[in-house]
Amino acid sequence: MWIVDGLLNAARMAWEVWWALVLGFALSGVRPGLGPAHPARAHARE
C-alpha cells in the first residue's frame, strides 16, 4: 500500500514542520513583551 505509506509520510512531515513553525512564532511573539532586545537600542528611541 504505497499510497497509504506516502500519505502517512506526508502527514509526519507536515506535523514536523507545523510544530516547529508554531514554536518559532510563539517565541518571536513572546520576545517583544519581555522588554527591549538591547539596552542601547532602548535609549536610542528616546
C-alpha atoms as a PDB file:
ATOM      1  CA  MET A   1       0.000   0.000   0.000  1.00  0.00           C
ATOM      2  CA  TRP A   2       2.468   2.615  -1.180  1.00  0.00           C
ATOM      3  CA  ILE A   3      -0.266   5.267  -1.413  1.00  0.00           C
ATOM      4  CA  VAL A   4      -1.041   4.895   2.296  1.00  0.00           C
ATOM      5  CA  ASP A   5       2.675   4.956   3.148  1.00  0.00           C
ATOM      6  CA  GLY A   6       3.093   8.136   1.122  1.00  0.00           C
ATOM      7  CA  LEU A   7       0.160   9.793   2.853  1.00  0.00           C
ATOM      8  CA  LEU A   8       1.483   8.791   6.273  1.00  0.00           C
ATOM      9  CA  ASN A   9       4.930  10.162   5.430  1.00  0.00           C
ATOM     10  CA  ALA A  10       3.357  13.404   4.202  1.00  0.00           C
ATOM     11  CA  ALA A  11       1.368  13.703   7.430  1.00  0.00           C
ATOM     12  CA  ARG A  12       4.506  13.134   9.507  1.00  0.00           C
ATOM     13  CA  MET A  13       6.442  15.762   7.560  1.00  0.00           C
ATOM     14  CA  ALA A  14       3.564  18.240   7.885  1.00  0.00           C
ATOM     15  CA  TRP A  15       3.476  17.634  11.656  1.00  0.00           C
ATOM     16  CA  GLU A  16       7.236  18.180  11.991  1.00  0.00           C
ATOM     17  CA  VAL A  17       7.055  21.461  10.083  1.00  0.00           C
ATOM     18  CA  TRP A  18       3.875  22.609  11.873  1.00  0.00           C
ATOM     19  CA  TRP A  19       5.124  22.290  15.439  1.00  0.00           C
ATOM     20  CA  ALA A  20       8.426  23.979  14.553  1.00  0.00           C
ATOM     21  CA  LEU A  21       6.566  26.901  12.968  1.00  0.00           C
ATOM     22  CA  VAL A  22       4.206  27.231  15.921  1.00  0.00           C
ATOM     23  CA  LEU A  23       7.091  27.150  18.395  1.00  0.00           C
ATOM     24  CA  GLY A  24       9.071  29.710  16.390  1.00  0.00           C
ATOM     25  CA  PHE A  25       6.165  32.128  16.060  1.00  0.00           C
ATOM     26  CA  ALA A  26       5.284  31.708  19.739  1.00  0.00           C
ATOM     27  CA  LEU A  27       8.831  32.518  20.816  1.00  0.00           C
ATOM     28  CA  SER A  28       9.062  35.509  18.482  1.00  0.00           C
ATOM     29  CA  GLY A  29       5.720  36.747  19.798  1.00  0.00           C
ATOM     30  CA  VAL A  30       6.759  36.444  23.442  1.00  0.00           C
ATOM     31  CA  ARG A  31      10.144  38.118  22.902  1.00  0.00           C
ATOM     32  CA  PRO A  32       8.918  41.731  22.380  1.00  0.00           C
ATOM     33  CA  GLY A  33       6.887  41.534  25.570  1.00  0.00           C
ATOM     34  CA  LEU A  34       9.966  40.863  27.675  1.00  0.00           C
ATOM     35  CA  GLY A  35      11.474  44.289  27.108  1.00  0.00           C
ATOM     36  CA  PRO A  36      13.998  45.837  24.768  1.00  0.00           C
ATOM     37  CA  ALA A  37      16.312  43.460  22.942  1.00  0.00           C
ATOM     38  CA  HIS A  38      19.362  45.562  23.825  1.00  0.00           C
ATOM     39  CA  PRO A  39      19.641  48.479  26.293  1.00  0.00           C
ATOM     40  CA  ALA A  40      21.480  50.689  23.784  1.00  0.00           C
ATOM     41  CA  ARG A  41      18.602  50.406  21.340  1.00  0.00           C
ATOM     42  CA  ALA A  42      16.099  51.362  24.032  1.00  0.00           C
ATOM     43  CA  HIS A  43      17.945  54.626  24.730  1.00  0.00           C
ATOM     44  CA  ALA A  44      18.285  55.415  21.036  1.00  0.00           C
ATOM     45  CA  ARG A  45      14.485  55.534  20.684  1.00  0.00           C
ATOM     46  CA  GLU A  46      14.068  58.169  23.380  1.00  0.00           C
END
